[in-house]
Each structure stands twice: as C-alpha cells, then as structure tokens.
C-alpha cells in the first residue's frame, strides 16, 4: 500500500470511529490534499490538435472543451484523469478512438 492509500485508510478509520462514538487516541488529524488545476489549453496545445479534433479524441463536445479552456467549467472524473494522462504523454490523444494525427 502506498503512502496516500495508507493516509486515506487511516482517515476512513477515524471517521468510522467518530461515527460509532468510539474513543480515539489523541486528537483527530485532518489532512487536506490540494489537487492542482489542469491547464486544458496547454494540454491541448502540446498535442497539436485543434479544439474539434482534441474534443473528438477525448470523447467530449467541442462546447464542453471550450468551457474548460475558458475556465467556466472544470473537467471531472474520467475526463480529468484522461487529461492528466495526456499531459504526461500527448501521444495518447492521437491514439484515442477519435484521435487523429497532428501531422
């Protein structure tokens, strides 16, 4: 189990203990994890794809992509995970079912 998993497990056990009103050793520790925002414009730019082509490659409407790029909405769930993966390896967008070559 990695460090994050252990912290999550410890936190869940503390919540359960509190919910059951069990006695805890010492004060409850609350840990805040900040998740950085994704720069969708930069992620798309590194793929070399247009908005339409990029939106198709990740399976969203172009309007949704524009909302993300303009900061009016934020990608969530699977879309966020996929964008994070593309940020690490832009070629993923070209290999996705709707992807196309930037060449």
PDB file of N, CA and C in Angstrom:
ATOM      1  N   UNK A   1       0.856  -1.184   0.000  1.00  0.00           N
ATOM      2  CA  UNK A   1       0.000   0.000   0.000  1.00  0.00           C
ATOM      3  C   UNK A   1       0.896   1.239   0.000  1.00  0.00           C
ATOM      4  N   UNK A   2       0.571   2.217  -0.822  1.00  0.00           N
ATOM      5  CA  UNK A   2       1.402   3.419  -0.861  1.00  0.00           C
ATOM      6  C   UNK A   2       0.972   4.408   0.223  1.00  0.00           C
ATOM      7  N   UNK A   3       1.748   5.480   0.349  1.00  0.00           N
ATOM      8  CA  UNK A   3       1.527   6.455   1.418  1.00  0.00           C
ATOM      9  C   UNK A   3       0.138   7.089   1.350  1.00  0.00           C
ATOM     10  N   UNK A   4      -0.298   7.455   0.141  1.00  0.00           N
ATOM     11  CA  UNK A   4      -1.626   8.073   0.001  1.00  0.00           C
ATOM     12  C   UNK A   4      -2.718   7.100   0.423  1.00  0.00           C
ATOM     13  N   UNK A   5      -2.591   5.839   0.027  1.00  0.00           N
ATOM     14  CA  UNK A   5      -3.588   4.834   0.399  1.00  0.00           C
ATOM     15  C   UNK A   5      -3.638   4.650   1.911  1.00  0.00           C
ATOM     16  N   UNK A   6      -2.475   4.646   2.532  1.00  0.00           N
ATOM     17  CA  UNK A   6      -2.429   4.491   3.990  1.00  0.00           C
ATOM     18  C   UNK A   6      -3.080   5.673   4.693  1.00  0.00           C
ATOM     19  N   UNK A   7      -2.847   6.893   4.183  1.00  0.00           N
ATOM     20  CA  UNK A   7      -3.468   8.084   4.785  1.00  0.00           C
ATOM     21  C   UNK A   7      -4.979   8.053   4.615  1.00  0.00           C
ATOM     22  N   UNK A   8      -5.428   7.636   3.449  1.00  0.00           N
ATOM     23  CA  UNK A   8      -6.872   7.546   3.212  1.00  0.00           C
ATOM     24  C   UNK A   8      -7.489   6.505   4.131  1.00  0.00           C
ATOM     25  N   UNK A   9      -6.850   5.350   4.232  1.00  0.00           N
ATOM     26  CA  UNK A   9      -7.367   4.297   5.110  1.00  0.00           C
ATOM     27  C   UNK A   9      -7.420   4.770   6.558  1.00  0.00           C
ATOM     28  N   UNK A  10      -6.360   5.440   7.003  1.00  0.00           N
ATOM     29  CA  UNK A  10      -6.319   5.949   8.382  1.00  0.00           C
ATOM     30  C   UNK A  10      -7.451   6.954   8.612  1.00  0.00           C
ATOM     31  N   UNK A  11      -7.668   7.833   7.637  1.00  0.00           N
ATOM     32  CA  UNK A  11      -8.729   8.830   7.754  1.00  0.00           C
ATOM     33  C   UNK A  11     -10.106   8.196   7.802  1.00  0.00           C
ATOM     34  N   UNK A  12     -10.324   7.179   6.964  1.00  0.00           N
ATOM     35  CA  UNK A  12     -11.617   6.487   6.966  1.00  0.00           C
ATOM     36  C   UNK A  12     -11.866   5.789   8.301  1.00  0.00           C
ATOM     37  N   UNK A  13     -10.833   5.199   8.856  1.00  0.00           N
ATOM     38  CA  UNK A  13     -10.977   4.537  10.157  1.00  0.00           C
ATOM     39  C   UNK A  13     -11.324   5.551  11.245  1.00  0.00           C
ATOM     40  N   UNK A  14     -10.728   6.740  11.163  1.00  0.00           N
ATOM     41  CA  UNK A  14     -11.035   7.785  12.140  1.00  0.00           C
ATOM     42  C   UNK A  14     -12.483   8.245  12.006  1.00  0.00           C
ATOM     43  N   UNK A  15     -12.958   8.367  10.781  1.00  0.00           N
ATOM     44  CA  UNK A  15     -14.345   8.774  10.554  1.00  0.00           C
ATOM     45  C   UNK A  15     -15.293   7.721  11.102  1.00  0.00           C
ATOM     46  N   UNK A  16     -14.997   6.458  10.825  1.00  0.00           N
ATOM     47  CA  UNK A  16     -15.847   5.376  11.347  1.00  0.00           C
ATOM     48  C   UNK A  16     -15.848   5.364  12.868  1.00  0.00           C
ATOM     49  N   UNK A  17     -14.673   5.554  13.446  1.00  0.00           N
ATOM     50  CA  UNK A  17     -14.585   5.573  14.906  1.00  0.00           C
ATOM     51  C   UNK A  17     -15.411   6.713  15.477  1.00  0.00           C
ATOM     52  N   UNK A  18     -15.340   7.853  14.843  1.00  0.00           N
ATOM     53  CA  UNK A  18     -16.112   9.003  15.318  1.00  0.00           C
ATOM     54  C   UNK A  18     -17.604   8.743  15.141  1.00  0.00           C
ATOM     55  N   UNK A  19     -17.991   8.177  14.011  1.00  0.00           N
ATOM     56  CA  UNK A  19     -19.402   7.895  13.764  1.00  0.00           C
ATOM     57  C   UNK A  19     -19.948   6.912  14.786  1.00  0.00           C
ATOM     58  N   UNK A  20     -19.131   5.986  15.203  1.00  0.00           N
ATOM     59  CA  UNK A  20     -19.561   4.995  16.202  1.00  0.00           C
ATOM     60  C   UNK A  20     -19.336   5.493  17.626  1.00  0.00           C
ATOM     61  N   UNK A  21     -18.836   6.678  17.725  1.00  0.00           N
ATOM     62  CA  UNK A  21     -18.550   7.304  19.015  1.00  0.00           C
ATOM     63  C   UNK A  21     -17.565   6.489  19.839  1.00  0.00           C
ATOM     64  N   UNK A  22     -16.651   5.855  19.146  1.00  0.00           N
ATOM     65  CA  UNK A  22     -15.612   5.108  19.840  1.00  0.00           C
ATOM     66  C   UNK A  22     -14.543   6.085  20.310  1.00  0.00           C
ATOM     67  N   UNK A  23     -13.878   5.708  21.354  1.00  0.00           N
ATOM     68  CA  UNK A  23     -12.814   6.564  21.852  1.00  0.00           C
ATOM     69  C   UNK A  23     -11.620   6.479  20.918  1.00  0.00           C
ATOM     70  N   UNK A  24     -11.032   7.626  20.706  1.00  0.00           N
ATOM     71  CA  UNK A  24      -9.847   7.697  19.854  1.00  0.00           C
ATOM     72  C   UNK A  24      -8.653   8.081  20.710  1.00  0.00           C
ATOM     73  N   UNK A  25      -7.506   7.679  20.271  1.00  0.00           N
ATOM     74  CA  UNK A  25      -6.273   8.091  20.940  1.00  0.00           C
ATOM     75  C   UNK A  25      -5.861   9.439  20.382  1.00  0.00           C
ATOM     76  N   UNK A  26      -5.841  10.440  21.216  1.00  0.00           N
ATOM     77  CA  UNK A  26      -5.408  11.764  20.789  1.00  0.00           C
ATOM     78  C   UNK A  26      -6.419  12.452  19.894  1.00  0.00           C
ATOM     79  N   UNK A  27      -6.084  13.668  19.460  1.00  0.00           N
ATOM     80  CA  UNK A  27      -6.998  14.435  18.608  1.00  0.00           C
ATOM     81  C   UNK A  27      -7.059  13.853  17.195  1.00  0.00           C
ATOM     82  N   UNK A  28      -8.187  14.108  16.548  1.00  0.00           N
ATOM     83  CA  UNK A  28      -8.365  13.667  15.176  1.00  0.00           C
ATOM     84  C   UNK A  28      -7.535  14.577  14.270  1.00  0.00           C
ATOM     85  N   UNK A  29      -6.773  13.963  13.387  1.00  0.00           N
ATOM     86  CA  UNK A  29      -5.973  14.737  12.438  1.00  0.00           C
ATOM     87  C   UNK A  29      -6.740  14.857  11.126  1.00  0.00           C
ATOM     88  N   UNK A  30      -6.799  16.066  10.630  1.00  0.00           N
ATOM     89  CA  UNK A  30      -7.435  16.301   9.337  1.00  0.00           C
ATOM     90  C   UNK A  30      -6.344  16.701   8.363  1.00  0.00           C
ATOM     91  N   UNK A  31      -6.277  15.972   7.264  1.00  0.00           N
ATOM     92  CA  UNK A  31      -5.259  16.261   6.260  1.00  0.00           C
ATOM     93  C   UNK A  31      -5.937  16.758   4.996  1.00  0.00           C
ATOM     94  N   UNK A  32      -5.485  17.869   4.521  1.00  0.00           N
ATOM     95  CA  UNK A  32      -6.044  18.454   3.302  1.00  0.00           C
ATOM     96  C   UNK A  32      -5.089  18.162   2.147  1.00  0.00           C
ATOM     97  N   UNK A  33      -5.634  17.668   1.058  1.00  0.00           N
ATOM     98  CA  UNK A  33      -4.837  17.386  -0.127  1.00  0.00           C
ATOM     99  C   UNK A  33      -5.302  18.320  -1.223  1.00  0.00           C
ATOM    100  N   UNK A  34      -4.414  19.191  -1.681  1.00  0.00           N
ATOM    101  CA  UNK A  34      -4.749  20.114  -2.752  1.00  0.00           C
ATOM    102  C   UNK A  34      -4.451  19.451  -4.092  1.00  0.00           C
ATOM    103  N   UNK A  35      -5.460  19.427  -4.938  1.00  0.00           N
ATOM    104  CA  UNK A  35      -5.313  18.865  -6.275  1.00  0.00           C
ATOM    105  C   UNK A  35      -5.150  20.031  -7.238  1.00  0.00           C
ATOM    106  N   UNK A  36      -4.003  20.090  -7.930  1.00  0.00           N
ATOM    107  CA  UNK A  36      -3.784  21.238  -8.818  1.00  0.00           C
ATOM    108  C   UNK A  36      -4.767  21.259  -9.981  1.00  0.00           C
ATOM    109  N   UNK A  37      -5.084  22.466 -10.419  1.00  0.00           N
ATOM    110  CA  UNK A  37      -5.958  22.633 -11.574  1.00  0.00           C
ATOM    111  C   UNK A  37      -5.217  22.199 -12.833  1.00  0.00           C
ATOM    112  N   UNK A  38      -5.956  21.711 -13.793  1.00  0.00           N
ATOM    113  CA  UNK A  38      -5.372  21.339 -15.072  1.00  0.00           C
ATOM    114  C   UNK A  38      -5.416  22.531 -16.013  1.00  0.00           C
ATOM    115  N   UNK A  39      -4.349  22.747 -16.760  1.00  0.00           N
ATOM    116  CA  UNK A  39      -4.317  23.784 -17.779  1.00  0.00           C
ATOM    117  C   UNK A  39      -4.718  23.121 -19.093  1.00  0.00           C
ATOM    118  N   UNK A  40      -6.015  23.100 -19.363  1.00  0.00           N
ATOM    119  CA  UNK A  40      -6.547  22.381 -20.518  1.00  0.00           C
ATOM    120  C   UNK A  40      -6.014  22.971 -21.819  1.00  0.00           C
ATOM    121  N   UNK A  41      -5.857  24.288 -21.885  1.00  0.00           N
ATOM    122  CA  UNK A  41      -5.326  24.923 -23.093  1.00  0.00           C
ATOM    123  C   UNK A  41      -3.920  24.395 -23.384  1.00  0.00           C
ATOM    124  N   UNK A  42      -3.081  24.352 -22.355  1.00  0.00           N
ATOM    125  CA  UNK A  42      -1.699  23.878 -22.532  1.00  0.00           C
ATOM    126  C   UNK A  42      -1.663  22.399 -22.884  1.00  0.00           C
ATOM    127  N   UNK A  43      -2.544  21.624 -22.268  1.00  0.00           N
ATOM    128  CA  UNK A  43      -2.586  20.189 -22.560  1.00  0.00           C
ATOM    129  C   UNK A  43      -2.952  19.965 -24.020  1.00  0.00           C
ATOM    130  N   UNK A  44      -3.980  20.667 -24.488  1.00  0.00           N
ATOM    131  CA  UNK A  44      -4.375  20.513 -25.891  1.00  0.00           C
ATOM    132  C   UNK A  44      -3.276  21.013 -26.818  1.00  0.00           C
ATOM    133  N   UNK A  45      -2.661  22.136 -26.457  1.00  0.00           N
ATOM    134  CA  UNK A  45      -1.608  22.717 -27.310  1.00  0.00           C
ATOM    135  C   UNK A  45      -0.452  21.740 -27.508  1.00  0.00           C
ATOM    136  N   UNK A  46      -0.111  20.992 -26.470  1.00  0.00           N
ATOM    137  CA  UNK A  46       1.019  20.070 -26.606  1.00  0.00           C
ATOM    138  C   UNK A  46       0.682  18.883 -27.509  1.00  0.00           C
ATOM    139  N   UNK A  47      -0.595  18.682 -27.810  1.00  0.00           N
ATOM    140  CA  UNK A  47      -0.974  17.598 -28.719  1.00  0.00           C
ATOM    141  C   UNK A  47      -0.921  18.055 -30.178  1.00  0.00           C
ATOM    142  N   UNK A  48      -0.984  19.366 -30.396  1.00  0.00           N
ATOM    143  CA  UNK A  48      -1.001  19.895 -31.749  1.00  0.00           C
ATOM    144  C   UNK A  48      -2.350  19.760 -32.436  1.00  0.00           C
ATOM    145  N   UNK A  49      -3.390  19.415 -31.676  1.00  0.00           N
ATOM    146  CA  UNK A  49      -4.718  19.210 -32.260  1.00  0.00           C
ATOM    147  C   UNK A  49      -5.574  20.468 -32.125  1.00  0.00           C
ATOM    148  N   UNK A  50      -6.483  20.646 -33.074  1.00  0.00           N
ATOM    149  CA  UNK A  50      -7.458  21.728 -32.988  1.00  0.00           C
ATOM    150  C   UNK A  50      -8.442  21.399 -31.862  1.00  0.00           C
ATOM    151  N   UNK A  51      -9.262  22.373 -31.499  1.00  0.00           N
ATOM    152  CA  UNK A  51     -10.283  22.120 -30.477  1.00  0.00           C
ATOM    153  C   UNK A  51     -11.201  20.982 -30.901  1.00  0.00           C
ATOM    154  N   UNK A  52     -11.661  21.018 -32.147  1.00  0.00           N
ATOM    155  CA  UNK A  52     -12.580  19.977 -32.627  1.00  0.00           C
ATOM    156  C   UNK A  52     -11.927  18.590 -32.585  1.00  0.00           C
ATOM    157  N   UNK A  53     -10.707  18.496 -33.088  1.00  0.00           N
ATOM    158  CA  UNK A  53     -10.019  17.199 -33.127  1.00  0.00           C
ATOM    159  C   UNK A  53      -9.715  16.695 -31.715  1.00  0.00           C
ATOM    160  N   UNK A  54      -9.293  17.595 -30.840  1.00  0.00           N
ATOM    161  CA  UNK A  54      -8.981  17.188 -29.470  1.00  0.00           C
ATOM    162  C   UNK A  54     -10.242  16.732 -28.744  1.00  0.00           C
ATOM    163  N   UNK A  55     -11.324  17.489 -28.904  1.00  0.00           N
ATOM    164  CA  UNK A  55     -12.589  17.118 -28.257  1.00  0.00           C
ATOM    165  C   UNK A  55     -13.038  15.736 -28.724  1.00  0.00           C
ATOM    166  N   UNK A  56     -12.947  15.485 -30.042  1.00  0.00           N
ATOM    167  CA  UNK A  56     -13.302  14.156 -30.564  1.00  0.00           C
ATOM    168  C   UNK A  56     -12.415  13.070 -29.961  1.00  0.00           C
ATOM    169  N   UNK A  57     -11.117  13.357 -29.829  1.00  0.00           N
ATOM    170  CA  UNK A  57     -10.185  12.332 -29.352  1.00  0.00           C
ATOM    171  C   UNK A  57     -10.446  11.945 -27.902  1.00  0.00           C
ATOM    172  N   UNK A  58     -11.007  12.870 -27.105  1.00  0.00           N
ATOM    173  CA  UNK A  58     -11.282  12.531 -25.702  1.00  0.00           C
ATOM    174  C   UNK A  58     -12.763  12.275 -25.446  1.00  0.00           C
ATOM    175  N   UNK A  59     -13.568  12.343 -26.513  1.00  0.00           N
ATOM    176  CA  UNK A  59     -14.973  11.973 -26.395  1.00  0.00           C
ATOM    177  C   UNK A  59     -15.877  12.985 -25.729  1.00  0.00           C
ATOM    178  N   UNK A  60     -15.577  14.279 -25.928  1.00  0.00           N
ATOM    179  CA  UNK A  60     -16.459  15.317 -25.382  1.00  0.00           C
ATOM    180  C   UNK A  60     -16.877  16.257 -26.509  1.00  0.00           C
ATOM    181  N   UNK A  61     -17.934  17.011 -26.274  1.00  0.00           N
ATOM    182  CA  UNK A  61     -18.362  18.021 -27.233  1.00  0.00           C
ATOM    183  C   UNK A  61     -17.339  19.149 -27.268  1.00  0.00           C
ATOM    184  N   UNK A  62     -17.204  19.763 -28.418  1.00  0.00           N
ATOM    185  CA  UNK A  62     -16.296  20.910 -28.548  1.00  0.00           C
ATOM    186  C   UNK A  62     -16.717  22.023 -27.594  1.00  0.00           C
ATOM    187  N   UNK A  63     -18.012  22.191 -27.408  1.00  0.00           N
ATOM    188  CA  UNK A  63     -18.502  23.235 -26.489  1.00  0.00           C
ATOM    189  C   UNK A  63     -18.023  22.973 -25.058  1.00  0.00           C
ATOM    190  N   UNK A  64     -17.997  21.719 -24.667  1.00  0.00           N
ATOM    191  CA  UNK A  64     -17.515  21.368 -23.321  1.00  0.00           C
ATOM    192  C   UNK A  64     -16.040  21.708 -23.193  1.00  0.00           C
ATOM    193  N   UNK A  65     -15.259  21.360 -24.210  1.00  0.00           N
ATOM    194  CA  UNK A  65     -13.825  21.679 -24.202  1.00  0.00           C
ATOM    195  C   UNK A  65     -13.620  23.187 -24.096  1.00  0.00           C
ATOM    196  N   UNK A  66     -14.389  23.960 -24.836  1.00  0.00           N
ATOM    197  CA  UNK A  66     -14.272  25.424 -24.763  1.00  0.00           C
ATOM    198  C   UNK A  66     -14.569  25.926 -23.343  1.00  0.00           C
ATOM    199  N   UNK A  67     -15.589  25.361 -22.720  1.00  0.00           N
ATOM    200  CA  UNK A  67     -15.934  25.754 -21.346  1.00  0.00           C
ATOM    201  C   UNK A  67     -14.753  25.502 -20.406  1.00  0.00           C
ATOM    202  N   UNK A  68     -14.095  24.348 -20.577  1.00  0.00           N
ATOM    203  CA  UNK A  68     -12.921  24.031 -19.747  1.00  0.00           C
ATOM    204  C   UNK A  68     -11.785  25.008 -20.024  1.00  0.00           C
ATOM    205  N   UNK A  69     -11.532  25.246 -21.311  1.00  0.00           N
ATOM    206  CA  UNK A  69     -10.412  26.113 -21.682  1.00  0.00           C
ATOM    207  C   UNK A  69     -10.635  27.550 -21.228  1.00  0.00           C
ATOM    208  N   UNK A  70     -11.872  27.994 -21.182  1.00  0.00           N
ATOM    209  CA  UNK A  70     -12.171  29.367 -20.765  1.00  0.00           C
ATOM    210  C   UNK A  70     -12.391  29.478 -19.261  1.00  0.00           C
ATOM    211  N   UNK A  71     -12.269  28.359 -18.546  1.00  0.00           N
ATOM    212  CA  UNK A  71     -12.363  28.370 -17.094  1.00  0.00           C
ATOM    213  C   UNK A  71     -13.764  28.483 -16.540  1.00  0.00           C
ATOM    214  N   UNK A  72     -14.771  28.329 -17.386  1.00  0.00           N
ATOM    215  CA  UNK A  72     -16.154  28.414 -16.895  1.00  0.00           C
ATOM    216  C   UNK A  72     -16.595  27.105 -16.245  1.00  0.00           C
ATOM    217  N   UNK A  73     -15.971  26.015 -16.656  1.00  0.00           N
ATOM    218  CA  UNK A  73     -16.235  24.705 -16.053  1.00  0.00           C
ATOM    219  C   UNK A  73     -14.908  23.990 -15.877  1.00  0.00           C
ATOM    220  N   UNK A  74     -14.928  22.947 -15.055  1.00  0.00           N
ATOM    221  CA  UNK A  74     -13.723  22.152 -14.825  1.00  0.00           C
ATOM    222  C   UNK A  74     -13.996  20.705 -15.190  1.00  0.00           C
ATOM    223  N   UNK A  75     -13.010  20.058 -15.821  1.00  0.00           N
ATOM    224  CA  UNK A  75     -13.183  18.634 -16.097  1.00  0.00           C
ATOM    225  C   UNK A  75     -13.210  17.848 -14.791  1.00  0.00           C
ATOM    226  N   UNK A  76     -14.043  16.820 -14.759  1.00  0.00           N
ATOM    227  CA  UNK A  76     -14.171  15.997 -13.560  1.00  0.00           C
ATOM    228  C   UNK A  76     -14.099  14.533 -13.935  1.00  0.00           C
ATOM    229  N   UNK A  77     -13.897  13.699 -12.956  1.00  0.00           N
ATOM    230  CA  UNK A  77     -13.958  12.255 -13.139  1.00  0.00           C
ATOM    231  C   UNK A  77     -13.011  11.730 -14.193  1.00  0.00           C
ATOM    232  N   UNK A  78     -13.552  10.895 -15.066  1.00  0.00           N
ATOM    233  CA  UNK A  78     -12.738  10.246 -16.091  1.00  0.00           C
ATOM    234  C   UNK A  78     -12.079  11.245 -17.029  1.00  0.00           C
ATOM    235  N   UNK A  79     -12.762  12.333 -17.335  1.00  0.00           N
ATOM    236  CA  UNK A  79     -12.193  13.341 -18.225  1.00  0.00           C
ATOM    237  C   UNK A  79     -10.941  13.948 -17.601  1.00  0.00           C
ATOM    238  N   UNK A  80     -10.994  14.209 -16.315  1.00  0.00           N
ATOM    239  CA  UNK A  80      -9.839  14.775 -15.614  1.00  0.00           C
ATOM    240  C   UNK A  80      -8.667  13.802 -15.636  1.00  0.00           C
ATOM    241  N   UNK A  81      -8.965  12.537 -15.395  1.00  0.00           N
ATOM    242  CA  UNK A  81      -7.912  11.519 -15.413  1.00  0.00           C
ATOM    243  C   UNK A  81      -7.282  11.437 -16.800  1.00  0.00           C
ATOM    244  N   UNK A  82      -8.125  11.402 -17.842  1.00  0.00           N
ATOM    245  CA  UNK A  82      -7.610  11.321 -19.206  1.00  0.00           C
ATOM    246  C   UNK A  82      -6.768  12.548 -19.548  1.00  0.00           C
ATOM    247  N   UNK A  83      -7.224  13.730 -19.186  1.00  0.00           N
ATOM    248  CA  UNK A  83      -6.450  14.937 -19.456  1.00  0.00           C
ATOM    249  C   UNK A  83      -5.105  14.910 -18.736  1.00  0.00           C
ATOM    250  N   UNK A  84      -5.099  14.416 -17.516  1.00  0.00           N
ATOM    251  CA  UNK A  84      -3.852  14.304 -16.768  1.00  0.00           C
ATOM    252  C   UNK A  84      -2.899  13.324 -17.463  1.00  0.00           C
ATOM    253  N   UNK A  85      -3.441  12.238 -17.985  1.00  0.00           N
ATOM    254  CA  UNK A  85      -2.617  11.272 -18.709  1.00  0.00           C
ATOM    255  C   UNK A  85      -2.063  11.889 -19.991  1.00  0.00           C
ATOM    256  N   UNK A  86      -2.883  12.651 -20.705  1.00  0.00           N
ATOM    257  CA  UNK A  86      -2.437  13.309 -21.938  1.00  0.00           C
ATOM    258  C   UNK A  86      -1.363  14.345 -21.620  1.00  0.00           C
ATOM    259  N   UNK A  87      -1.489  15.022 -20.488  1.00  0.00           N
ATOM    260  CA  UNK A  87      -0.462  15.991 -20.084  1.00  0.00           C
ATOM    261  C   UNK A  87       0.887  15.290 -19.932  1.00  0.00           C
ATOM    262  N   UNK A  88       0.868  14.062 -19.445  1.00  0.00           N
ATOM    263  CA  UNK A  88       2.107  13.297 -19.286  1.00  0.00           C
ATOM    264  C   UNK A  88       2.613  12.698 -20.581  1.00  0.00           C
ATOM    265  N   UNK A  89       1.704  12.393 -21.511  1.00  0.00           N
ATOM    266  CA  UNK A  89       2.072  11.799 -22.791  1.00  0.00           C
ATOM    267  C   UNK A  89       1.063  12.243 -23.845  1.00  0.00           C
ATOM    268  N   UNK A  90       1.347  13.366 -24.535  1.00  0.00           N
ATOM    269  CA  UNK A  90       0.404  13.912 -25.510  1.00  0.00           C
ATOM    270  C   UNK A  90       0.027  12.946 -26.635  1.00  0.00           C
ATOM    271  N   UNK A  91       0.839  11.941 -26.884  1.00  0.00           N
ATOM    272  CA  UNK A  91       0.527  10.987 -27.955  1.00  0.00           C
ATOM    273  C   UNK A  91      -0.743  10.200 -27.661  1.00  0.00           C
ATOM    274  N   UNK A  92      -1.147  10.153 -26.397  1.00  0.00           N
ATOM    275  CA  UNK A  92      -2.374   9.440 -26.024  1.00  0.00           C
ATOM    276  C   UNK A  92      -3.569   9.994 -26.796  1.00  0.00           C
ATOM    277  N   UNK A  93      -3.621  11.315 -26.974  1.00  0.00           N
ATOM    278  CA  UNK A  93      -4.744  11.938 -27.679  1.00  0.00           C
ATOM    279  C   UNK A  93      -4.810  11.469 -29.126  1.00  0.00           C
ATOM    280  N   UNK A  94      -3.673  11.146 -29.701  1.00  0.00           N
ATOM    281  CA  UNK A  94      -3.639  10.701 -31.095  1.00  0.00           C
ATOM    282  C   UNK A  94      -4.003   9.223 -31.221  1.00  0.00           C
ATOM    283  N   UNK A  95      -3.824   8.470 -30.141  1.00  0.00           N
ATOM    284  CA  UNK A  95      -4.147   7.044 -30.170  1.00  0.00           C
ATOM    285  C   UNK A  95      -5.562   6.758 -29.717  1.00  0.00           C
ATOM    286  N   UNK A  96      -6.244   7.756 -29.132  1.00  0.00           N
ATOM    287  CA  UNK A  96      -7.620   7.562 -28.667  1.00  0.00           C
ATOM    288  C   UNK A  96      -8.525   7.287 -29.867  1.00  0.00           C
ATOM    289  N   UNK A  97      -9.663   6.638 -29.644  1.00  0.00           N
ATOM    290  CA  UNK A  97     -10.554   6.263 -30.753  1.00  0.00           C
ATOM    291  C   UNK A  97     -10.891   7.399 -31.710  1.00  0.00           C
ATOM    292  N   UNK A  98     -11.122   8.604 -31.208  1.00  0.00           N
ATOM    293  CA  UNK A  98     -11.479   9.726 -32.085  1.00  0.00           C
ATOM    294  C   UNK A  98     -10.289  10.568 -32.490  1.00  0.00           C
ATOM    295  N   UNK A  99      -9.071  10.150 -32.089  1.00  0.00           N
ATOM    296  CA  UNK A  99      -7.875  10.937 -32.345  1.00  0.00           C
ATOM    297  C   UNK A  99      -7.457  10.927 -33.794  1.00  0.00           C
ATOM    298  N   UNK A 100      -6.619  11.910 -34.131  1.00  0.00           N
ATOM    299  CA  UNK A 100      -6.094  11.984 -35.485  1.00  0.00           C
ATOM    300  C   UNK A 100      -4.673  12.516 -35.409  1.00  0.00           C
ATOM    301  N   UNK A 101      -3.938  12.317 -36.423  1.00  0.00           N
ATOM    302  CA  UNK A 101      -2.544  12.754 -36.467  1.00  0.00           C
ATOM    303  C   UNK A 101      -2.459  14.266 -36.519  1.00  0.00           C
ATOM    304  N   UNK A 102      -1.472  14.808 -35.802  1.00  0.00           N
ATOM    305  CA  UNK A 102      -1.254  16.263 -35.820  1.00  0.00           C
ATOM    306  C   UNK A 102      -0.406  16.655 -37.023  1.00  0.00           C
ATOM    307  N   UNK A 103       0.060  15.692 -37.756  1.00  0.00           N
ATOM    308  CA  UNK A 103       0.931  15.982 -38.892  1.00  0.00           C
ATOM    309  C   UNK A 103       0.144  16.413 -40.112  1.00  0.00           C
TER     310      UNK A 103
END
